[in-house]
Amino acid sequence: MIDQRIPAYSDAELANLHVNALRLSQSGTDAQKAEAERLLPIINAEVEKRRLARLQRMAQARVQRREAANAKKAARAEAPGH
């Protein structure tokens, strides 16, 4: 079923699926509305999971940049002539 494939979708595919599910939940046939309503919580959970993972990666990158900058400053301070 599609809900089992959602984690393997690319971000673009997931966004497209989300838009389509939202649209079908409002204007689809009864069967389409039911399927969209079933999938929306699964899609939303995957979107949120990816958003949190992206925020975590960004925070880690900030820490690494800060550590690299501090190490560079420390190396300059220890260099002869400073």
N, C-alpha and C. Protein backbone atom coordinates (compact mmCIF):
# COMPACT_ATOMS: atom_id res chain seq x y z
N MET A 1 0.83 -1.18 0.00
CA MET A 1 0.00 0.00 0.00
C MET A 1 0.88 1.25 0.00
N ILE A 2 0.30 2.33 -0.39
CA ILE A 2 1.05 3.58 -0.53
C ILE A 2 1.62 4.05 0.81
N ASP A 3 0.91 3.83 1.91
CA ASP A 3 1.38 4.32 3.20
C ASP A 3 2.70 3.66 3.61
N GLN A 4 2.99 2.48 3.11
CA GLN A 4 4.25 1.81 3.42
C GLN A 4 5.40 2.36 2.58
N ARG A 5 5.08 2.98 1.46
CA ARG A 5 6.12 3.54 0.58
C ARG A 5 6.46 4.99 0.92
N ILE A 6 5.64 5.65 1.70
CA ILE A 6 5.82 7.08 1.99
C ILE A 6 7.21 7.40 2.54
N PRO A 7 7.77 6.64 3.48
CA PRO A 7 9.10 6.99 3.99
C PRO A 7 10.20 6.99 2.91
N ALA A 8 9.99 6.24 1.83
CA ALA A 8 11.00 6.17 0.77
C ALA A 8 10.85 7.30 -0.26
N TYR A 9 9.79 8.06 -0.17
CA TYR A 9 9.58 9.14 -1.14
C TYR A 9 10.60 10.24 -0.93
N SER A 10 10.96 10.88 -2.03
CA SER A 10 11.81 12.07 -1.93
C SER A 10 10.98 13.19 -1.32
N ASP A 11 11.66 14.25 -0.89
CA ASP A 11 10.94 15.39 -0.32
C ASP A 11 9.95 15.97 -1.34
N ALA A 12 10.36 16.04 -2.60
CA ALA A 12 9.47 16.57 -3.64
C ALA A 12 8.25 15.67 -3.84
N GLU A 13 8.48 14.36 -3.85
CA GLU A 13 7.37 13.42 -4.01
C GLU A 13 6.42 13.51 -2.81
N LEU A 14 6.98 13.63 -1.62
CA LEU A 14 6.16 13.74 -0.42
C LEU A 14 5.33 15.02 -0.45
N ALA A 15 5.95 16.12 -0.86
CA ALA A 15 5.21 17.39 -0.94
C ALA A 15 4.08 17.29 -1.95
N ASN A 16 4.34 16.65 -3.08
CA ASN A 16 3.32 16.47 -4.11
C ASN A 16 2.18 15.60 -3.58
N LEU A 17 2.53 14.52 -2.90
CA LEU A 17 1.51 13.65 -2.33
C LEU A 17 0.67 14.40 -1.31
N HIS A 18 1.31 15.23 -0.50
CA HIS A 18 0.61 16.02 0.51
C HIS A 18 -0.39 16.96 -0.14
N VAL A 19 0.05 17.67 -1.15
CA VAL A 19 -0.84 18.61 -1.87
C VAL A 19 -2.03 17.85 -2.47
N ASN A 20 -1.73 16.73 -3.10
CA ASN A 20 -2.81 15.96 -3.73
C ASN A 20 -3.78 15.40 -2.70
N ALA A 21 -3.26 14.92 -1.57
CA ALA A 21 -4.14 14.39 -0.53
C ALA A 21 -5.03 15.49 0.05
N LEU A 22 -4.45 16.67 0.25
CA LEU A 22 -5.26 17.80 0.73
C LEU A 22 -6.36 18.14 -0.26
N ARG A 23 -5.99 18.19 -1.54
CA ARG A 23 -6.97 18.52 -2.58
C ARG A 23 -8.07 17.47 -2.62
N LEU A 24 -7.68 16.20 -2.62
CA LEU A 24 -8.68 15.13 -2.72
C LEU A 24 -9.54 15.04 -1.47
N SER A 25 -9.00 15.42 -0.33
CA SER A 25 -9.82 15.38 0.89
C SER A 25 -10.94 16.41 0.83
N GLN A 26 -10.76 17.42 0.00
CA GLN A 26 -11.78 18.47 -0.13
C GLN A 26 -12.70 18.26 -1.33
N SER A 27 -12.15 17.76 -2.43
CA SER A 27 -12.95 17.76 -3.65
C SER A 27 -12.97 16.43 -4.40
N GLY A 28 -12.47 15.36 -3.79
CA GLY A 28 -12.47 14.08 -4.47
C GLY A 28 -13.79 13.35 -4.34
N THR A 29 -13.83 12.17 -4.94
CA THR A 29 -14.99 11.30 -4.75
C THR A 29 -15.00 10.83 -3.30
N ASP A 30 -16.04 10.17 -2.90
CA ASP A 30 -16.11 9.68 -1.52
C ASP A 30 -14.93 8.74 -1.22
N ALA A 31 -14.60 7.86 -2.17
CA ALA A 31 -13.48 6.94 -1.97
C ALA A 31 -12.16 7.70 -1.89
N GLN A 32 -11.99 8.70 -2.74
CA GLN A 32 -10.77 9.51 -2.72
C GLN A 32 -10.65 10.31 -1.42
N LYS A 33 -11.76 10.86 -0.97
CA LYS A 33 -11.77 11.60 0.29
C LYS A 33 -11.38 10.68 1.45
N ALA A 34 -11.94 9.49 1.47
CA ALA A 34 -11.66 8.54 2.55
C ALA A 34 -10.18 8.15 2.54
N GLU A 35 -9.64 7.88 1.37
CA GLU A 35 -8.22 7.50 1.27
C GLU A 35 -7.33 8.67 1.64
N ALA A 36 -7.67 9.86 1.20
CA ALA A 36 -6.89 11.05 1.55
C ALA A 36 -6.92 11.28 3.06
N GLU A 37 -8.07 11.15 3.66
CA GLU A 37 -8.19 11.34 5.11
C GLU A 37 -7.40 10.27 5.87
N ARG A 38 -7.32 9.07 5.33
CA ARG A 38 -6.53 8.00 5.95
C ARG A 38 -5.04 8.31 5.83
N LEU A 39 -4.63 8.84 4.68
CA LEU A 39 -3.21 9.08 4.43
C LEU A 39 -2.67 10.37 5.04
N LEU A 40 -3.50 11.38 5.18
CA LEU A 40 -3.01 12.68 5.66
C LEU A 40 -2.25 12.60 7.00
N PRO A 41 -2.74 11.87 8.00
CA PRO A 41 -1.96 11.80 9.24
C PRO A 41 -0.59 11.13 9.03
N ILE A 42 -0.53 10.14 8.16
CA ILE A 42 0.74 9.45 7.87
C ILE A 42 1.68 10.40 7.15
N ILE A 43 1.15 11.12 6.17
CA ILE A 43 1.95 12.08 5.41
C ILE A 43 2.44 13.19 6.34
N ASN A 44 1.54 13.73 7.15
CA ASN A 44 1.91 14.80 8.07
C ASN A 44 2.99 14.36 9.05
N ALA A 45 2.90 13.13 9.52
CA ALA A 45 3.91 12.61 10.45
C ALA A 45 5.28 12.52 9.76
N GLU A 46 5.29 12.10 8.51
CA GLU A 46 6.55 11.99 7.77
C GLU A 46 7.12 13.38 7.49
N VAL A 47 6.26 14.32 7.14
CA VAL A 47 6.71 15.70 6.91
C VAL A 47 7.34 16.25 8.19
N GLU A 48 6.70 16.04 9.32
CA GLU A 48 7.21 16.54 10.59
C GLU A 48 8.52 15.85 10.97
N LYS A 49 8.59 14.56 10.76
CA LYS A 49 9.81 13.81 11.04
C LYS A 49 10.99 14.38 10.24
N ARG A 50 10.75 14.66 8.98
CA ARG A 50 11.81 15.22 8.12
C ARG A 50 12.15 16.64 8.53
N ARG A 51 11.17 17.41 8.95
CA ARG A 51 11.42 18.79 9.37
C ARG A 51 12.31 18.79 10.61
N LEU A 52 11.99 17.93 11.56
CA LEU A 52 12.79 17.84 12.78
C LEU A 52 14.20 17.35 12.49
N ALA A 53 14.34 16.39 11.59
CA ALA A 53 15.66 15.89 11.22
C ALA A 53 16.48 17.00 10.56
N ARG A 54 15.84 17.79 9.71
CA ARG A 54 16.52 18.91 9.04
C ARG A 54 16.97 19.96 10.07
N LEU A 55 16.11 20.26 11.05
CA LEU A 55 16.49 21.20 12.10
C LEU A 55 17.66 20.68 12.92
N GLN A 56 17.66 19.39 13.19
CA GLN A 56 18.76 18.79 13.95
C GLN A 56 20.06 18.87 13.15
N ARG A 57 20.00 18.57 11.85
CA ARG A 57 21.21 18.67 11.02
C ARG A 57 21.73 20.10 10.99
N MET A 58 20.83 21.06 10.90
CA MET A 58 21.23 22.47 10.88
C MET A 58 21.88 22.86 12.21
N ALA A 59 21.34 22.41 13.31
CA ALA A 59 21.91 22.72 14.62
C ALA A 59 23.30 22.09 14.75
N GLN A 60 23.45 20.87 14.30
CA GLN A 60 24.74 20.21 14.35
C GLN A 60 25.77 20.94 13.49
N ALA A 61 25.34 21.40 12.32
CA ALA A 61 26.24 22.15 11.44
C ALA A 61 26.67 23.45 12.10
N ARG A 62 25.75 24.13 12.79
CA ARG A 62 26.12 25.37 13.50
C ARG A 62 27.16 25.09 14.57
N VAL A 63 26.97 24.01 15.31
CA VAL A 63 27.93 23.65 16.36
C VAL A 63 29.29 23.36 15.74
N GLN A 64 29.32 22.62 14.65
CA GLN A 64 30.58 22.29 14.00
C GLN A 64 31.27 23.54 13.47
N ARG A 65 30.51 24.46 12.89
CA ARG A 65 31.10 25.71 12.40
C ARG A 65 31.66 26.52 13.57
N ARG A 66 30.92 26.58 14.65
CA ARG A 66 31.37 27.32 15.83
C ARG A 66 32.65 26.70 16.40
N GLU A 67 32.67 25.37 16.48
CA GLU A 67 33.87 24.69 16.99
C GLU A 67 35.06 24.92 16.08
N ALA A 68 34.84 24.89 14.78
CA ALA A 68 35.93 25.13 13.82
C ALA A 68 36.44 26.55 13.95
N ALA A 69 35.54 27.50 14.10
CA ALA A 69 35.95 28.90 14.25
C ALA A 69 36.72 29.09 15.55
N ASN A 70 36.28 28.46 16.62
CA ASN A 70 36.99 28.57 17.90
C ASN A 70 38.37 27.92 17.82
N ALA A 71 38.46 26.79 17.13
CA ALA A 71 39.75 26.12 16.97
C ALA A 71 40.70 26.99 16.15
N LYS A 72 40.17 27.64 15.13
CA LYS A 72 40.98 28.52 14.30
C LYS A 72 41.49 29.72 15.11
N LYS A 73 40.61 30.29 15.92
CA LYS A 73 41.02 31.41 16.78
C LYS A 73 42.10 30.96 17.77
N ALA A 74 41.92 29.78 18.35
CA ALA A 74 42.89 29.27 19.32
C ALA A 74 44.23 29.02 18.63
N ALA A 75 44.21 28.50 17.43
CA ALA A 75 45.45 28.24 16.70
C ALA A 75 46.17 29.55 16.38
N ARG A 76 45.40 30.56 16.00
CA ARG A 76 46.01 31.87 15.72
C ARG A 76 46.61 32.47 16.98
N ALA A 77 45.94 32.30 18.10
CA ALA A 77 46.42 32.87 19.37
C ALA A 77 47.70 32.19 19.82
N GLU A 78 47.83 30.90 19.48
CA GLU A 78 49.02 30.15 19.87
C GLU A 78 50.16 30.31 18.87
N ALA A 79 49.88 30.85 17.72
CA ALA A 79 50.90 30.99 16.68
C ALA A 79 51.96 31.98 17.12
N PRO A 80 53.21 31.74 16.74
CA PRO A 80 54.28 32.69 17.09
C PRO A 80 53.97 34.09 16.57
N GLY A 81 54.31 35.07 17.39
CA GLY A 81 54.10 36.45 16.97
C GLY A 81 52.76 37.01 17.39
N HIS A 82 51.95 36.24 18.08
CA HIS A 82 50.64 36.75 18.53
C HIS A 82 50.55 36.80 19.99
